[in-house]
Amino acid sequence: MPEKIHIPRELGDFLGNEQDEAYANAFGAEITDGFQDGGKDLRMNDPEVPEIQVKSSKEGVKHFLIKSIEKEEFIPICVGEPGTKKEMLESIQKFGAWVGRDIPGREEFLGNIAKVRDLCHSKEGVLKKLLAELG
């Protein structure tokens, strides 16, 4: 029977920290990652994109999007290898996300993230309208 391979938690944390640092450097952003951070890994100096969530896999993005729908709040997401600041910001403004070129099915994934973003924003708008009508 083959021996199980154990990857220490510290290694996974280190890889996640490296990715946060790569995006922070690319954007010129501040890392705010931590427990109970509300999904805001990076604080940007940009009023249109104040915070960003960094994920290391498509699966991590999917779980985060499910929570976004439940909370009715969307935070822009980055996954995969960073691009240039300009292309990442353009992608975030268009789709709500940057998906690195190293991620298979990139275009379809971006389109699906945009649908979730639009759903979160429409639910938020509907709730605000209903609350306003209630007085």
N, C-alpha and C. Protein backbone atom coordinates (compact mmCIF):
# COMPACT_ATOMS: atom_id res chain seq x y z
N MET A 1 0.85 -1.18 0.00
CA MET A 1 0.00 0.00 0.00
C MET A 1 0.90 1.25 0.00
N PRO A 2 0.67 2.19 -0.95
CA PRO A 2 1.52 3.37 -1.00
C PRO A 2 1.34 4.25 0.22
N GLU A 3 2.43 4.86 0.60
CA GLU A 3 2.41 5.76 1.76
C GLU A 3 1.72 7.07 1.39
N LYS A 4 0.87 7.57 2.28
CA LYS A 4 0.19 8.85 2.03
C LYS A 4 1.19 9.98 2.10
N ILE A 5 1.01 10.92 1.21
CA ILE A 5 1.86 12.11 1.21
C ILE A 5 1.16 13.19 2.02
N HIS A 6 1.88 13.75 2.96
CA HIS A 6 1.32 14.81 3.81
C HIS A 6 1.96 16.14 3.44
N ILE A 7 1.13 17.10 3.07
CA ILE A 7 1.62 18.45 2.78
C ILE A 7 1.32 19.30 4.00
N PRO A 8 2.34 19.80 4.66
CA PRO A 8 2.11 20.62 5.85
C PRO A 8 1.29 21.86 5.53
N ARG A 9 0.43 22.25 6.45
CA ARG A 9 -0.41 23.44 6.27
C ARG A 9 0.45 24.66 5.97
N GLU A 10 1.61 24.74 6.57
CA GLU A 10 2.48 25.90 6.38
C GLU A 10 2.85 26.07 4.91
N LEU A 11 3.02 24.94 4.19
CA LEU A 11 3.38 25.01 2.78
C LEU A 11 2.25 25.63 1.98
N GLY A 12 1.01 25.18 2.21
CA GLY A 12 -0.14 25.77 1.54
C GLY A 12 -0.29 27.25 1.86
N ASP A 13 -0.07 27.61 3.13
CA ASP A 13 -0.14 29.02 3.51
C ASP A 13 0.93 29.82 2.79
N PHE A 14 2.12 29.24 2.67
CA PHE A 14 3.22 29.93 2.02
C PHE A 14 2.89 30.19 0.56
N LEU A 15 2.35 29.17 -0.13
CA LEU A 15 1.99 29.35 -1.53
C LEU A 15 0.91 30.41 -1.68
N GLY A 16 -0.09 30.42 -0.79
CA GLY A 16 -1.13 31.43 -0.81
C GLY A 16 -0.56 32.82 -0.57
N ASN A 17 0.38 32.92 0.37
CA ASN A 17 1.01 34.21 0.65
C ASN A 17 1.80 34.69 -0.55
N GLU A 18 2.50 33.78 -1.23
CA GLU A 18 3.25 34.16 -2.43
C GLU A 18 2.32 34.73 -3.49
N GLN A 19 1.17 34.10 -3.65
CA GLN A 19 0.22 34.56 -4.67
C GLN A 19 -0.34 35.94 -4.29
N ASP A 20 -0.71 36.12 -3.02
CA ASP A 20 -1.19 37.43 -2.57
C ASP A 20 -0.13 38.49 -2.83
N GLU A 21 1.14 38.17 -2.54
CA GLU A 21 2.23 39.11 -2.75
C GLU A 21 2.41 39.44 -4.23
N ALA A 22 2.28 38.44 -5.09
CA ALA A 22 2.42 38.67 -6.53
C ALA A 22 1.35 39.64 -7.02
N TYR A 23 0.11 39.44 -6.57
CA TYR A 23 -0.97 40.35 -6.97
C TYR A 23 -0.81 41.72 -6.33
N ALA A 24 -0.39 41.76 -5.08
CA ALA A 24 -0.18 43.05 -4.41
C ALA A 24 0.88 43.86 -5.16
N ASN A 25 1.96 43.20 -5.58
CA ASN A 25 3.00 43.88 -6.33
C ASN A 25 2.49 44.35 -7.69
N ALA A 26 1.72 43.51 -8.37
CA ALA A 26 1.21 43.86 -9.71
C ALA A 26 0.24 45.04 -9.64
N PHE A 27 -0.58 45.09 -8.60
CA PHE A 27 -1.56 46.17 -8.47
C PHE A 27 -1.03 47.38 -7.70
N GLY A 28 0.06 47.19 -6.94
CA GLY A 28 0.49 48.24 -6.03
C GLY A 28 -0.49 48.36 -4.88
N ALA A 29 -0.96 47.21 -4.39
CA ALA A 29 -2.01 47.14 -3.37
C ALA A 29 -1.44 46.68 -2.03
N GLU A 30 -2.24 46.84 -0.99
CA GLU A 30 -1.87 46.41 0.36
C GLU A 30 -2.53 45.08 0.66
N ILE A 31 -1.77 44.14 1.21
CA ILE A 31 -2.31 42.83 1.59
C ILE A 31 -3.07 42.98 2.91
N THR A 32 -4.34 42.55 2.90
CA THR A 32 -5.16 42.59 4.11
C THR A 32 -5.67 41.21 4.47
N ASP A 33 -5.12 40.19 3.82
CA ASP A 33 -5.55 38.81 3.99
C ASP A 33 -5.45 38.36 5.44
N GLY A 34 -6.43 37.62 5.86
CA GLY A 34 -6.42 37.04 7.19
C GLY A 34 -7.76 36.44 7.52
N PHE A 35 -7.86 35.77 8.62
CA PHE A 35 -9.13 35.22 9.03
C PHE A 35 -10.09 36.36 9.33
N GLN A 36 -11.35 36.12 9.03
CA GLN A 36 -12.41 37.10 9.26
C GLN A 36 -12.18 38.39 8.47
N ASP A 37 -11.53 38.28 7.30
CA ASP A 37 -11.29 39.46 6.49
C ASP A 37 -12.45 39.80 5.57
N GLY A 38 -13.51 38.99 5.61
CA GLY A 38 -14.67 39.25 4.77
C GLY A 38 -14.37 39.05 3.29
N GLY A 39 -13.32 38.33 2.98
CA GLY A 39 -13.01 38.05 1.59
C GLY A 39 -12.18 39.11 0.91
N LYS A 40 -11.61 40.01 1.66
CA LYS A 40 -10.83 41.09 1.07
C LYS A 40 -9.35 40.84 1.32
N ASP A 41 -8.68 40.26 0.32
CA ASP A 41 -7.27 39.93 0.46
C ASP A 41 -6.37 41.12 0.17
N LEU A 42 -6.80 41.98 -0.74
CA LEU A 42 -6.00 43.13 -1.12
C LEU A 42 -6.84 44.41 -1.02
N ARG A 43 -6.24 45.45 -0.49
CA ARG A 43 -6.89 46.76 -0.45
C ARG A 43 -6.23 47.60 -1.54
N MET A 44 -7.07 48.09 -2.44
CA MET A 44 -6.58 48.85 -3.58
C MET A 44 -6.75 50.35 -3.31
N ASN A 45 -5.94 51.13 -3.96
CA ASN A 45 -6.10 52.58 -3.90
C ASN A 45 -6.86 53.00 -5.16
N ASP A 46 -8.06 52.42 -5.33
CA ASP A 46 -8.87 52.65 -6.52
C ASP A 46 -10.34 52.63 -6.10
N PRO A 47 -11.05 53.75 -6.21
CA PRO A 47 -12.45 53.78 -5.76
C PRO A 47 -13.36 52.82 -6.54
N GLU A 48 -13.01 52.52 -7.79
CA GLU A 48 -13.84 51.59 -8.57
C GLU A 48 -13.61 50.14 -8.18
N VAL A 49 -12.42 49.83 -7.69
CA VAL A 49 -12.07 48.47 -7.26
C VAL A 49 -11.35 48.59 -5.92
N PRO A 50 -12.10 48.79 -4.82
CA PRO A 50 -11.45 49.02 -3.54
C PRO A 50 -10.80 47.78 -2.92
N GLU A 51 -11.37 46.59 -3.17
CA GLU A 51 -10.83 45.36 -2.60
C GLU A 51 -10.83 44.26 -3.64
N ILE A 52 -9.97 43.28 -3.41
CA ILE A 52 -9.87 42.13 -4.30
C ILE A 52 -9.67 40.86 -3.47
N GLN A 53 -10.31 39.79 -3.90
CA GLN A 53 -10.13 38.47 -3.32
C GLN A 53 -9.19 37.69 -4.24
N VAL A 54 -8.17 37.07 -3.69
CA VAL A 54 -7.23 36.27 -4.47
C VAL A 54 -7.48 34.80 -4.14
N LYS A 55 -7.66 34.01 -5.17
CA LYS A 55 -7.88 32.57 -4.99
C LYS A 55 -6.81 31.81 -5.77
N SER A 56 -6.51 30.60 -5.31
CA SER A 56 -5.45 29.82 -5.94
C SER A 56 -5.98 28.77 -6.92
N SER A 57 -7.32 28.61 -7.01
CA SER A 57 -7.86 27.59 -7.91
C SER A 57 -9.29 27.96 -8.33
N LYS A 58 -9.72 27.33 -9.43
CA LYS A 58 -11.10 27.53 -9.88
C LYS A 58 -12.08 27.04 -8.80
N GLU A 59 -11.72 25.95 -8.14
CA GLU A 59 -12.59 25.41 -7.08
C GLU A 59 -12.74 26.42 -5.95
N GLY A 60 -11.66 27.07 -5.57
CA GLY A 60 -11.72 28.10 -4.53
C GLY A 60 -12.61 29.26 -4.95
N VAL A 61 -12.53 29.63 -6.23
CA VAL A 61 -13.39 30.70 -6.76
C VAL A 61 -14.85 30.28 -6.66
N LYS A 62 -15.16 29.05 -7.05
CA LYS A 62 -16.55 28.58 -7.01
C LYS A 62 -17.12 28.65 -5.59
N HIS A 63 -16.36 28.21 -4.61
CA HIS A 63 -16.84 28.27 -3.22
C HIS A 63 -17.04 29.72 -2.78
N PHE A 64 -16.13 30.59 -3.17
CA PHE A 64 -16.24 32.00 -2.82
C PHE A 64 -17.48 32.62 -3.48
N LEU A 65 -17.76 32.26 -4.73
CA LEU A 65 -18.93 32.80 -5.42
C LEU A 65 -20.23 32.35 -4.77
N ILE A 66 -20.26 31.12 -4.30
CA ILE A 66 -21.46 30.63 -3.59
C ILE A 66 -21.70 31.48 -2.36
N LYS A 67 -20.64 31.77 -1.60
CA LYS A 67 -20.77 32.62 -0.42
C LYS A 67 -21.18 34.03 -0.81
N SER A 68 -20.69 34.52 -1.95
CA SER A 68 -21.05 35.85 -2.42
C SER A 68 -22.55 35.94 -2.68
N ILE A 69 -23.10 34.92 -3.31
CA ILE A 69 -24.54 34.91 -3.58
C ILE A 69 -25.32 34.86 -2.28
N GLU A 70 -24.89 34.02 -1.35
CA GLU A 70 -25.57 33.92 -0.05
C GLU A 70 -25.54 35.25 0.69
N LYS A 71 -24.39 35.95 0.64
CA LYS A 71 -24.24 37.23 1.34
C LYS A 71 -24.75 38.41 0.52
N GLU A 72 -25.07 38.14 -0.76
CA GLU A 72 -25.52 39.17 -1.69
C GLU A 72 -24.51 40.31 -1.78
N GLU A 73 -23.24 39.93 -1.81
CA GLU A 73 -22.14 40.89 -1.91
C GLU A 73 -21.09 40.29 -2.84
N PHE A 74 -20.64 41.10 -3.78
CA PHE A 74 -19.63 40.62 -4.72
C PHE A 74 -18.33 41.39 -4.52
N ILE A 75 -17.24 40.67 -4.38
CA ILE A 75 -15.91 41.24 -4.28
C ILE A 75 -15.14 40.73 -5.50
N PRO A 76 -14.51 41.60 -6.27
CA PRO A 76 -13.76 41.14 -7.43
C PRO A 76 -12.72 40.08 -7.04
N ILE A 77 -12.48 39.17 -7.99
CA ILE A 77 -11.65 38.00 -7.73
C ILE A 77 -10.50 37.93 -8.73
N CYS A 78 -9.35 37.46 -8.27
CA CYS A 78 -8.22 37.14 -9.14
C CYS A 78 -7.81 35.70 -8.88
N VAL A 79 -7.54 34.98 -9.96
CA VAL A 79 -7.08 33.59 -9.84
C VAL A 79 -6.07 33.33 -10.95
N GLY A 80 -5.10 32.50 -10.65
CA GLY A 80 -4.08 32.17 -11.65
C GLY A 80 -2.95 33.18 -11.64
N GLU A 81 -2.17 33.17 -12.70
CA GLU A 81 -1.01 34.05 -12.80
C GLU A 81 -1.46 35.49 -13.07
N PRO A 82 -0.87 36.45 -12.37
CA PRO A 82 -1.21 37.86 -12.64
C PRO A 82 -0.79 38.28 -14.04
N GLY A 83 -1.52 39.27 -14.55
CA GLY A 83 -1.15 39.90 -15.81
C GLY A 83 -0.62 41.29 -15.50
N THR A 84 -0.73 42.19 -16.45
CA THR A 84 -0.34 43.57 -16.18
C THR A 84 -1.46 44.24 -15.40
N LYS A 85 -1.12 45.28 -14.68
CA LYS A 85 -2.14 46.00 -13.89
C LYS A 85 -3.27 46.46 -14.80
N LYS A 86 -2.94 47.02 -15.93
CA LYS A 86 -3.96 47.55 -16.85
C LYS A 86 -4.92 46.45 -17.31
N GLU A 87 -4.38 45.33 -17.78
CA GLU A 87 -5.26 44.28 -18.29
C GLU A 87 -6.09 43.63 -17.17
N MET A 88 -5.51 43.54 -15.98
CA MET A 88 -6.28 42.97 -14.86
C MET A 88 -7.43 43.89 -14.47
N LEU A 89 -7.16 45.19 -14.37
CA LEU A 89 -8.23 46.14 -14.02
C LEU A 89 -9.32 46.18 -15.08
N GLU A 90 -8.94 46.12 -16.36
CA GLU A 90 -9.94 46.09 -17.43
C GLU A 90 -10.81 44.85 -17.32
N SER A 91 -10.20 43.71 -17.03
CA SER A 91 -10.94 42.46 -16.89
C SER A 91 -11.87 42.52 -15.67
N ILE A 92 -11.37 43.08 -14.57
CA ILE A 92 -12.20 43.19 -13.36
C ILE A 92 -13.39 44.10 -13.62
N GLN A 93 -13.18 45.20 -14.33
CA GLN A 93 -14.29 46.10 -14.62
C GLN A 93 -15.31 45.45 -15.56
N LYS A 94 -14.84 44.64 -16.50
CA LYS A 94 -15.74 43.99 -17.45
C LYS A 94 -16.43 42.76 -16.87
N PHE A 95 -15.66 41.91 -16.17
CA PHE A 95 -16.20 40.63 -15.71
C PHE A 95 -16.33 40.49 -14.20
N GLY A 96 -15.66 41.38 -13.46
CA GLY A 96 -15.63 41.24 -12.01
C GLY A 96 -14.50 40.34 -11.56
N ALA A 97 -13.62 39.99 -12.50
CA ALA A 97 -12.54 39.05 -12.16
C ALA A 97 -11.39 39.15 -13.15
N TRP A 98 -10.24 38.72 -12.69
CA TRP A 98 -9.11 38.43 -13.56
C TRP A 98 -8.85 36.93 -13.43
N VAL A 99 -8.83 36.25 -14.57
CA VAL A 99 -8.49 34.84 -14.61
C VAL A 99 -7.22 34.73 -15.45
N GLY A 100 -6.17 34.23 -14.83
CA GLY A 100 -4.88 34.12 -15.50
C GLY A 100 -4.95 33.26 -16.75
N ARG A 101 -4.05 33.54 -17.66
CA ARG A 101 -4.00 32.79 -18.92
C ARG A 101 -3.64 31.32 -18.70
N ASP A 102 -3.14 31.01 -17.51
CA ASP A 102 -2.77 29.63 -17.19
C ASP A 102 -3.98 28.79 -16.77
N ILE A 103 -5.15 29.39 -16.66
CA ILE A 103 -6.35 28.68 -16.21
C ILE A 103 -7.12 28.16 -17.43
N PRO A 104 -7.33 26.84 -17.52
CA PRO A 104 -8.09 26.27 -18.65
C PRO A 104 -9.53 26.79 -18.66
N GLY A 105 -10.07 27.00 -19.84
CA GLY A 105 -11.45 27.47 -19.98
C GLY A 105 -11.63 28.90 -19.48
N ARG A 106 -10.60 29.70 -19.62
CA ARG A 106 -10.53 31.05 -19.07
C ARG A 106 -11.72 31.93 -19.48
N GLU A 107 -12.02 32.00 -20.77
CA GLU A 107 -13.08 32.90 -21.27
C GLU A 107 -14.45 32.52 -20.71
N GLU A 108 -14.75 31.23 -20.74
CA GLU A 108 -16.05 30.77 -20.22
C GLU A 108 -16.13 31.02 -18.71
N PHE A 109 -15.04 30.80 -18.01
CA PHE A 109 -15.00 31.02 -16.57
C PHE A 109 -15.25 32.50 -16.25
N LEU A 110 -14.61 33.40 -17.01
CA LEU A 110 -14.84 34.84 -16.82
C LEU A 110 -16.31 35.19 -17.03
N GLY A 111 -16.91 34.64 -18.08
CA GLY A 111 -18.33 34.90 -18.36
C GLY A 111 -19.23 34.43 -17.24
N ASN A 112 -18.91 33.28 -16.67
CA ASN A 112 -19.73 32.76 -15.57
C ASN A 112 -19.56 33.60 -14.30
N ILE A 113 -18.35 34.07 -14.05
CA ILE A 113 -18.14 34.94 -12.89
C ILE A 113 -18.94 36.23 -13.07
N ALA A 114 -18.96 36.77 -14.28
CA ALA A 114 -19.72 38.00 -14.55
C ALA A 114 -21.21 37.78 -14.27
N LYS A 115 -21.73 36.60 -14.59
CA LYS A 115 -23.14 36.30 -14.31
C LYS A 115 -23.40 36.30 -12.81
N VAL A 116 -22.49 35.73 -12.03
CA VAL A 116 -22.66 35.72 -10.57
C VAL A 116 -22.59 37.15 -10.04
N ARG A 117 -21.64 37.95 -10.54
CA ARG A 117 -21.53 39.35 -10.12
C ARG A 117 -22.84 40.09 -10.40
N ASP A 118 -23.39 39.90 -11.60
CA ASP A 118 -24.63 40.57 -11.96
C ASP A 118 -25.78 40.10 -11.08
N LEU A 119 -25.81 38.83 -10.75
CA LEU A 119 -26.84 38.30 -9.86
C LEU A 119 -26.73 38.93 -8.47
N CYS A 120 -25.53 39.01 -7.94
CA CYS A 120 -25.32 39.63 -6.63
C CYS A 120 -25.77 41.09 -6.65
N HIS A 121 -25.40 41.82 -7.69
CA HIS A 121 -25.76 43.23 -7.78
C HIS A 121 -27.26 43.42 -7.97
N SER A 122 -27.90 42.54 -8.77
CA SER A 122 -29.33 42.69 -8.98
C SER A 122 -30.11 42.34 -7.71
N LYS A 123 -29.66 41.31 -6.98
CA LYS A 123 -30.32 40.97 -5.72
C LYS A 123 -30.19 42.12 -4.73
N GLU A 124 -29.01 42.72 -4.68
CA GLU A 124 -28.77 43.84 -3.76
C GLU A 124 -29.67 45.01 -4.14
N GLY A 125 -29.78 45.28 -5.45
CA GLY A 125 -30.63 46.38 -5.92
C GLY A 125 -32.10 46.14 -5.62
N VAL A 126 -32.56 44.92 -5.82
CA VAL A 126 -33.95 44.57 -5.54
C VAL A 126 -34.24 44.72 -4.05
N LEU A 127 -33.34 44.25 -3.20
CA LEU A 127 -33.54 44.37 -1.76
C LEU A 127 -33.58 45.83 -1.31
N LYS A 128 -32.68 46.64 -1.84
CA LYS A 128 -32.67 48.07 -1.48
C LYS A 128 -33.97 48.75 -1.91
N LYS A 129 -34.45 48.41 -3.10
CA LYS A 129 -35.70 48.98 -3.60
C LYS A 129 -36.88 48.59 -2.71
N LEU A 130 -36.93 47.29 -2.35
CA LEU A 130 -38.01 46.83 -1.48
C LEU A 130 -37.96 47.51 -0.10
N LEU A 131 -36.77 47.64 0.44
CA LEU A 131 -36.64 48.30 1.75
C LEU A 131 -37.05 49.77 1.65
N ALA A 132 -36.71 50.43 0.56
CA ALA A 132 -37.09 51.83 0.38
C ALA A 132 -38.60 51.96 0.28
N GLU A 133 -39.24 51.03 -0.42
CA GLU A 133 -40.69 51.07 -0.56
C GLU A 133 -41.41 50.82 0.77
N LEU A 134 -40.77 50.04 1.63
CA LEU A 134 -41.36 49.77 2.95
C LEU A 134 -41.25 50.98 3.86
N GLY A 135 -40.39 51.90 3.50
CA GLY A 135 -40.24 53.13 4.29
C GLY A 135 -39.26 52.94 5.37
